[in-house]
Amino acid sequence: MHRAILARRFDVLTASTGSEALALCQQQLPDLVLLDVEMPVLDGYETCRLLRKWTGIPIIFATSHQSLEEHLKAYDVGGNDIVTKPVSSEILLRKVTVAISQYRAAESLVEEKKAVEKMAMAFLSSASQSGTLMNFMRSSIVCQDYHALANELLAATRDFGLSCLVQIRHQGDCTAVTARGALSPLEIAILENASEMGRVFQFKQRLVVNNDRVSIVVQDMPNEADDPVHAGGLRDNLVILSEAAEAFAVNVDMRLEAQKRAEQLQIALSGAEAALNELAENQRAMLMDTRLLLQELIDDIEKTYTWLNTSQAQETTINSTMEHAVQRVLGRLGRGGDFDTLFAQVMQALSAGRGENLIELF
């Protein structure tokens, strides 16, 4: 009778026992189960209890019992509703229709909740990865060498939750690091081959991202079939990370070149300072020697007066002429004070140029 009533609006499958009903549900899960309380072997209550172990579809009991105890028992084992015999066709159809509609609405809400939670997790993951990229930018811009840059790159991939090998190639050499420290021969071979695999290459959980000077080899990429949004976002951010590392490698090039030139300039300044100090000493020695030679000249000339048989007037004239010439020479030498001042300024400028901060050009 129940089948005839429900067949007006629904496709109906029937089972004569609880065990048969369980088997049918496992083969094809229906939208609703209508259980008679009194069935052989497995009664309706036990059948409902077993169904509730693995499905939440609506279950309505049909019973001839009118007692409150029997009705409560139906709800206790997981039933959603109950109809009493003799069953009214209109009431049964209405209860079944409402139960299916409510269940579908609840399932829709559950799916929407899961979708919203998934979107929220994807947003949080994206925000976290964006923060990792920003931190990498801030920390890498001050890197002084390739090893420091490689470690910053490795730290960023670790913040993404990935286990990676990273390599930075530079003039005549390369720098590679892993989370475990020294690379194994196998890892070295992987990096050598990875640099020739194209821009982006993926095989199962292995992902390779290449630039001209930077390679990132991911060893545990998430399965894209399980979470395509997360895996795709990670791949995109790894590409951005490698491009940023490429730019920072050029920045390290410039720093090292500037440091090399600054060191050469320091050597040149030191040599120039030493040469100028020696020149100053020679200048002072020359001035002193000139004064001594002029004095010796005066003394030698005065000694000749006795055997030249010069008169007093002649000696006075000679002395006057010689004194005038000597004073002119000494006057010219006296202008060397300007040289000393200028020389001191040059030496001060050279000393300032040798400061330790000269190497940090940017």
Protein backbone atom coordinates (compact mmCIF):
# COMPACT_ATOMS: atom_id res chain seq x y z
CA MET A 1 0.00 0.00 0.00
CA HIS A 2 2.80 2.42 0.88
CA ARG A 3 4.46 1.73 -2.49
CA ALA A 4 1.27 2.54 -4.34
CA ILE A 5 0.88 5.84 -2.51
CA LEU A 6 4.48 6.98 -3.02
CA ALA A 7 4.70 5.78 -6.63
CA ARG A 8 2.34 8.60 -7.61
CA ARG A 9 5.21 11.07 -7.14
CA PHE A 10 8.47 9.17 -6.59
CA ASP A 11 10.50 6.27 -7.95
CA VAL A 12 10.17 3.56 -5.33
CA LEU A 13 12.28 0.51 -4.47
CA THR A 14 10.95 -2.00 -1.93
CA ALA A 15 12.59 -4.53 0.36
CA SER A 16 10.87 -7.21 2.40
CA THR A 17 13.48 -7.36 5.22
CA GLY A 18 15.82 -5.01 7.00
CA SER A 19 18.88 -6.77 5.59
CA GLU A 20 17.55 -6.40 2.06
CA ALA A 21 16.88 -2.72 2.71
CA LEU A 22 20.47 -2.20 3.88
CA ALA A 23 21.81 -3.93 0.76
CA LEU A 24 19.67 -1.79 -1.54
CA CYS A 25 20.81 1.41 0.19
CA GLN A 26 24.45 0.44 -0.25
CA GLN A 27 23.91 -0.23 -3.95
CA GLN A 28 22.01 2.99 -4.62
CA LEU A 29 21.43 5.50 -1.84
CA PRO A 30 17.84 6.79 -1.97
CA ASP A 31 16.59 10.25 -1.03
CA LEU A 32 14.50 8.77 1.83
CA VAL A 33 13.82 5.46 3.56
CA LEU A 34 10.34 4.51 4.83
CA LEU A 35 10.70 1.73 7.42
CA ASP A 36 8.04 -0.48 8.90
CA VAL A 37 8.80 -0.99 12.57
CA GLU A 38 7.79 -4.65 12.49
CA MET A 39 9.99 -6.62 10.07
CA PRO A 40 11.46 -10.14 10.32
CA VAL A 41 15.05 -10.68 11.58
CA LEU A 42 15.99 -6.98 11.63
CA ASP A 43 13.17 -4.79 12.82
CA GLY A 44 12.80 -1.18 11.73
CA TYR A 45 14.62 0.20 14.77
CA GLU A 46 17.75 -1.95 14.27
CA THR A 47 17.74 -1.27 10.53
CA CYS A 48 17.62 2.48 11.21
CA ARG A 49 20.44 2.23 13.74
CA LEU A 50 22.65 0.44 11.18
CA LEU A 51 21.80 2.95 8.45
CA ARG A 52 22.68 5.86 10.71
CA LYS A 53 26.25 4.55 10.99
CA TRP A 54 27.03 5.71 7.46
CA THR A 55 24.28 7.95 6.08
CA GLY A 56 22.17 10.90 7.16
CA ILE A 57 19.29 10.52 4.67
CA PRO A 58 15.77 11.04 6.07
CA ILE A 59 14.15 7.95 7.66
CA ILE A 60 10.42 7.83 8.39
CA PHE A 61 8.86 5.04 10.46
CA ALA A 62 5.47 3.50 9.80
CA THR A 63 3.97 1.84 12.89
CA SER A 64 0.68 0.68 14.25
CA HIS A 65 1.80 1.47 17.81
CA GLN A 66 0.23 4.51 19.35
CA SER A 67 2.27 4.65 22.58
CA LEU A 68 4.61 7.54 23.32
CA GLU A 69 7.34 5.08 24.27
CA GLU A 70 7.35 3.48 20.82
CA HIS A 71 7.37 6.87 19.13
CA LEU A 72 10.30 8.10 21.24
CA LYS A 73 12.20 4.90 20.48
CA ALA A 74 11.87 5.68 16.77
CA TYR A 75 13.46 9.09 17.27
CA ASP A 76 16.16 7.68 19.58
CA VAL A 77 17.54 5.32 16.92
CA GLY A 78 17.78 8.19 14.40
CA GLY A 79 14.38 8.47 12.76
CA ASN A 80 13.30 11.83 11.38
CA ASP A 81 9.54 11.34 11.52
CA ILE A 82 6.79 8.76 12.15
CA VAL A 83 3.42 7.92 10.64
CA THR A 84 0.82 5.67 12.25
CA LYS A 85 -1.19 3.01 10.53
CA PRO A 86 -3.55 3.12 8.85
CA VAL A 87 -1.51 5.61 6.82
CA SER A 88 -3.21 8.60 5.25
CA SER A 89 -1.95 8.95 1.68
CA GLU A 90 -1.95 12.77 1.80
CA ILE A 91 -0.10 12.88 5.11
CA LEU A 92 2.47 10.33 3.94
CA LEU A 93 3.13 12.17 0.69
CA ARG A 94 3.40 15.50 2.51
CA LYS A 95 5.80 14.11 5.16
CA VAL A 96 8.02 12.42 2.56
CA THR A 97 8.10 15.52 0.34
CA VAL A 98 8.93 17.84 3.25
CA ALA A 99 11.59 15.49 4.64
CA ILE A 100 13.37 15.20 1.27
CA SER A 101 13.19 18.98 0.70
CA GLN A 102 14.57 19.74 4.16
CA TYR A 103 17.37 17.20 3.74
CA ARG A 104 18.38 18.63 0.36
CA ALA A 105 18.31 22.16 1.76
CA ALA A 106 20.47 21.09 4.70
CA GLU A 107 22.90 19.31 2.35
CA SER A 108 23.06 22.43 0.19
CA LEU A 109 23.89 24.52 3.25
CA VAL A 110 26.62 22.04 4.23
CA GLU A 111 28.12 22.23 0.73
CA GLU A 112 27.94 26.03 0.78
CA LYS A 113 29.63 26.06 4.18
CA LYS A 114 32.41 23.81 2.87
CA ALA A 115 32.82 26.04 -0.18
CA VAL A 116 33.02 29.18 1.98
CA GLU A 117 35.50 27.51 4.33
CA LYS A 118 37.59 26.43 1.34
CA MET A 119 37.52 29.97 -0.07
CA ALA A 120 38.49 31.39 3.31
CA MET A 121 41.37 28.96 3.65
CA ALA A 122 42.50 29.76 0.11
CA PHE A 123 42.39 33.49 0.91
CA LEU A 124 44.34 33.01 4.13
CA SER A 125 46.87 30.84 2.32
CA SER A 126 47.21 33.44 -0.43
CA ALA A 127 47.65 36.23 2.13
CA SER A 128 50.26 34.17 3.97
CA GLN A 129 52.15 33.50 0.74
CA SER A 130 52.00 37.20 -0.18
CA GLY A 131 53.48 38.00 3.23
CA THR A 132 56.25 35.49 2.58
CA LEU A 133 57.03 37.18 -0.74
CA MET A 134 57.15 40.61 0.91
CA ASN A 135 59.44 39.34 3.67
CA PHE A 136 61.73 37.84 1.02
CA MET A 137 61.88 41.19 -0.80
CA ARG A 138 62.74 43.09 2.38
CA SER A 139 65.42 40.67 3.58
CA SER A 140 67.03 39.95 0.20
CA ILE A 141 67.58 43.54 -0.87
CA VAL A 142 70.34 43.89 1.75
CA CYS A 143 72.10 40.58 0.96
CA GLN A 144 75.83 41.10 0.52
CA ASP A 145 76.66 37.78 -1.19
CA TYR A 146 75.11 34.88 -3.10
CA HIS A 147 75.11 32.48 -0.16
CA ALA A 148 73.03 34.88 1.94
CA LEU A 149 70.60 35.34 -0.97
CA ALA A 150 70.32 31.57 -1.49
CA ASN A 151 69.51 31.09 2.21
CA GLU A 152 66.81 33.78 2.06
CA LEU A 153 65.31 32.06 -0.99
CA LEU A 154 65.36 28.70 0.79
CA ALA A 155 63.70 30.25 3.87
CA ALA A 156 60.90 31.65 1.68
CA THR A 157 60.19 28.24 0.13
CA ARG A 158 60.19 26.73 3.63
CA ASP A 159 57.59 29.32 4.69
CA PHE A 160 55.49 28.10 1.75
CA GLY A 161 55.58 24.69 3.46
CA LEU A 162 57.81 23.13 0.79
CA SER A 163 61.05 21.16 0.80
CA CYS A 164 63.30 22.57 -1.91
CA LEU A 165 66.74 22.77 -3.46
CA VAL A 166 67.77 26.23 -4.65
CA GLN A 167 70.66 27.27 -6.86
CA ILE A 168 72.01 30.70 -7.84
CA ARG A 169 74.44 30.82 -10.74
CA HIS A 170 77.04 33.56 -10.93
CA GLN A 171 80.22 34.29 -12.86
CA GLY A 172 82.32 31.16 -13.03
CA ASP A 173 80.52 29.40 -10.18
CA CYS A 174 77.17 28.62 -8.53
CA THR A 175 75.77 28.60 -4.99
CA ALA A 176 73.30 25.87 -3.98
CA VAL A 177 71.70 25.17 -0.58
CA THR A 178 69.18 22.79 0.97
CA ALA A 179 67.47 22.63 4.33
CA ARG A 180 69.88 19.82 5.31
CA GLY A 181 73.02 21.83 4.54
CA ALA A 182 75.53 20.23 2.18
CA LEU A 183 74.16 18.82 -1.07
CA SER A 184 74.39 15.12 -1.81
CA PRO A 185 75.79 13.94 -5.18
CA LEU A 186 72.23 13.08 -6.24
CA GLU A 187 70.98 16.58 -5.41
CA ILE A 188 73.88 18.12 -7.33
CA ALA A 189 72.96 16.00 -10.36
CA ILE A 190 69.29 17.02 -10.01
CA LEU A 191 70.20 20.71 -10.02
CA GLU A 192 72.49 20.31 -13.02
CA ASN A 193 69.70 18.66 -15.00
CA ALA A 194 66.97 20.95 -13.66
CA SER A 195 68.54 24.07 -15.13
CA GLU A 196 67.93 22.63 -18.62
CA MET A 197 64.26 21.66 -18.16
CA GLY A 198 62.68 24.91 -19.34
CA ARG A 199 60.92 27.71 -17.50
CA VAL A 200 58.50 25.56 -15.46
CA PHE A 201 58.50 21.76 -15.42
CA GLN A 202 56.47 19.43 -13.19
CA PHE A 203 56.43 15.67 -12.82
CA LYS A 204 54.15 14.34 -10.09
CA GLN A 205 55.31 16.01 -6.84
CA ARG A 206 58.50 17.42 -8.38
CA LEU A 207 58.38 20.98 -9.68
CA VAL A 208 61.25 22.87 -11.31
CA VAL A 209 61.20 26.66 -11.77
CA ASN A 210 64.07 28.13 -13.79
CA ASN A 211 65.40 31.56 -14.61
CA ASP A 212 68.68 32.46 -16.28
CA ARG A 213 70.50 32.45 -12.95
CA VAL A 214 68.08 30.90 -10.43
CA SER A 215 66.66 27.37 -10.14
CA ILE A 216 64.14 26.13 -7.55
CA VAL A 217 63.49 22.38 -7.32
CA VAL A 218 60.41 21.50 -5.21
CA GLN A 219 60.42 17.95 -3.88
CA ASP A 220 56.95 17.79 -2.29
CA MET A 221 54.54 19.84 -4.41
CA PRO A 222 50.89 19.37 -3.29
CA ASN A 223 48.69 17.19 -5.49
CA GLU A 224 46.86 19.49 -7.88
CA ALA A 225 43.97 17.03 -8.16
CA ASP A 226 43.29 17.36 -4.42
CA ASP A 227 43.46 21.16 -4.25
CA PRO A 228 44.02 22.85 -7.62
CA VAL A 229 43.63 26.38 -6.22
CA HIS A 230 46.32 25.91 -3.56
CA ALA A 231 48.71 24.10 -5.91
CA GLY A 232 48.21 26.69 -8.66
CA GLY A 233 48.77 29.57 -6.25
CA LEU A 234 51.96 27.97 -4.95
CA ARG A 235 53.28 27.47 -8.47
CA ASP A 236 52.56 31.10 -9.42
CA ASN A 237 54.23 32.41 -6.27
CA LEU A 238 57.29 30.22 -6.84
CA VAL A 239 57.64 31.77 -10.30
CA ILE A 240 57.42 35.26 -8.74
CA LEU A 241 59.93 34.21 -6.08
CA SER A 242 62.43 32.99 -8.68
CA GLU A 243 62.06 36.19 -10.73
CA ALA A 244 62.66 38.31 -7.63
CA ALA A 245 65.71 36.22 -6.71
CA GLU A 246 67.02 36.77 -10.25
CA ALA A 247 66.80 40.55 -9.76
CA PHE A 248 68.45 40.35 -6.35
CA ALA A 249 71.28 38.26 -7.82
CA VAL A 250 72.01 41.21 -10.13
CA ASN A 251 71.90 43.44 -7.04
CA VAL A 252 74.52 41.22 -5.38
CA ASP A 253 76.62 41.47 -8.57
CA MET A 254 76.57 45.24 -8.26
CA ARG A 255 77.41 45.13 -4.56
CA LEU A 256 80.37 42.83 -5.07
CA GLU A 257 81.63 44.89 -8.01
CA ALA A 258 81.26 48.07 -5.97
CA GLN A 259 83.07 46.45 -3.06
CA LYS A 260 85.88 45.33 -5.38
CA ARG A 261 86.24 48.82 -6.82
CA ALA A 262 86.08 50.38 -3.38
CA GLU A 263 88.87 48.09 -2.20
CA GLN A 264 90.93 49.04 -5.24
CA LEU A 265 90.23 52.69 -4.48
CA GLN A 266 91.32 52.16 -0.88
CA ILE A 267 94.61 50.69 -2.10
CA ALA A 268 95.08 53.58 -4.53
CA LEU A 269 94.32 56.13 -1.80
CA SER A 270 96.76 54.47 0.57
CA GLY A 271 99.45 54.50 -2.12
CA ALA A 272 98.75 58.14 -2.97
CA GLU A 273 98.88 59.12 0.69
CA ALA A 274 102.22 57.36 1.16
CA ALA A 275 103.64 58.98 -1.99
CA LEU A 276 102.47 62.44 -0.92
CA ASN A 277 103.93 61.98 2.56
CA GLU A 278 107.26 61.06 1.00
CA LEU A 279 107.01 64.08 -1.32
CA ALA A 280 106.34 66.34 1.65
CA GLU A 281 109.37 64.99 3.49
CA ASN A 282 111.52 65.54 0.40
CA GLN A 283 110.16 69.08 0.09
CA ARG A 284 111.02 69.88 3.70
CA ALA A 285 114.49 68.37 3.33
CA MET A 286 115.10 70.40 0.15
CA LEU A 287 114.09 73.63 1.88
CA MET A 288 116.38 72.90 4.80
CA ASP A 289 119.28 72.00 2.49
CA THR A 290 118.75 75.21 0.48
CA ARG A 291 118.96 77.37 3.60
CA LEU A 292 122.11 75.57 4.75
CA LEU A 293 123.75 75.91 1.34
CA LEU A 294 123.00 79.64 1.19
CA GLN A 295 124.51 80.11 4.62
CA GLU A 296 127.59 78.11 3.58
CA LEU A 297 127.88 80.29 0.45
CA ILE A 298 127.88 83.46 2.55
CA ASP A 299 130.46 82.03 4.92
CA ASP A 300 132.75 80.92 2.07
CA ILE A 301 132.60 84.31 0.36
CA GLU A 302 133.41 86.15 3.57
CA LYS A 303 136.43 83.89 4.07
CA THR A 304 137.83 84.94 0.69
CA TYR A 305 138.04 88.61 1.66
CA THR A 306 141.36 88.13 3.47
CA TRP A 307 143.25 86.77 0.47
CA LEU A 308 141.43 88.84 -2.19
CA ASN A 309 142.79 91.99 -0.54
CA THR A 310 139.41 93.73 -0.94
CA SER A 311 138.72 97.09 0.54
CA GLN A 312 136.10 97.74 3.15
CA ALA A 313 133.90 99.45 0.60
CA GLN A 314 134.15 96.49 -1.76
CA GLU A 315 133.29 94.06 1.02
CA THR A 316 130.28 96.15 1.96
CA THR A 317 129.06 96.22 -1.63
CA ILE A 318 129.55 92.49 -2.05
CA ASN A 319 127.83 91.75 1.25
CA SER A 320 124.91 93.99 0.36
CA THR A 321 124.45 92.41 -3.05
CA MET A 322 124.75 88.92 -1.67
CA GLU A 323 122.40 89.64 1.22
CA HIS A 324 119.81 91.03 -1.16
CA ALA A 325 120.00 87.93 -3.35
CA VAL A 326 119.84 85.59 -0.37
CA GLN A 327 116.81 87.40 1.02
CA ARG A 328 115.04 87.07 -2.31
CA VAL A 329 115.71 83.36 -2.32
CA LEU A 330 114.61 83.00 1.28
CA GLY A 331 111.52 85.09 0.53
CA ARG A 332 110.60 82.79 -2.31
CA LEU A 333 111.15 79.78 -0.05
CA GLY A 334 109.04 81.43 2.63
CA ARG A 335 106.05 81.22 0.38
CA GLY A 336 106.17 77.48 0.93
CA GLY A 337 103.72 78.00 3.80
CA ASP A 338 100.92 78.06 1.19
CA PHE A 339 102.18 74.71 -0.07
CA ASP A 340 102.04 73.28 3.44
CA THR A 341 98.43 74.45 3.88
CA LEU A 342 97.31 73.00 0.56
CA PHE A 343 99.20 69.81 1.23
CA ALA A 344 97.47 69.45 4.61
CA GLN A 345 94.07 69.87 2.92
CA VAL A 346 94.88 67.18 0.35
CA MET A 347 96.02 64.77 3.06
CA GLN A 348 92.88 65.43 5.09
CA ALA A 349 90.69 64.66 2.05
CA LEU A 350 92.59 61.43 1.39
CA SER A 351 92.23 60.36 5.02
CA ALA A 352 88.49 61.00 4.92
CA GLY A 353 88.21 58.96 1.73
CA ARG A 354 89.73 55.96 3.48
CA GLY A 355 86.82 55.70 5.95
CA GLU A 356 85.23 52.29 6.38
CA ASN A 357 81.84 53.50 5.15
CA LEU A 358 83.21 54.10 1.66
CA ILE A 359 82.64 50.47 0.67
CA GLU A 360 78.88 50.57 1.34
CA LEU A 361 77.98 52.48 -1.83
CA PHE A 362 74.23 51.55 -1.90
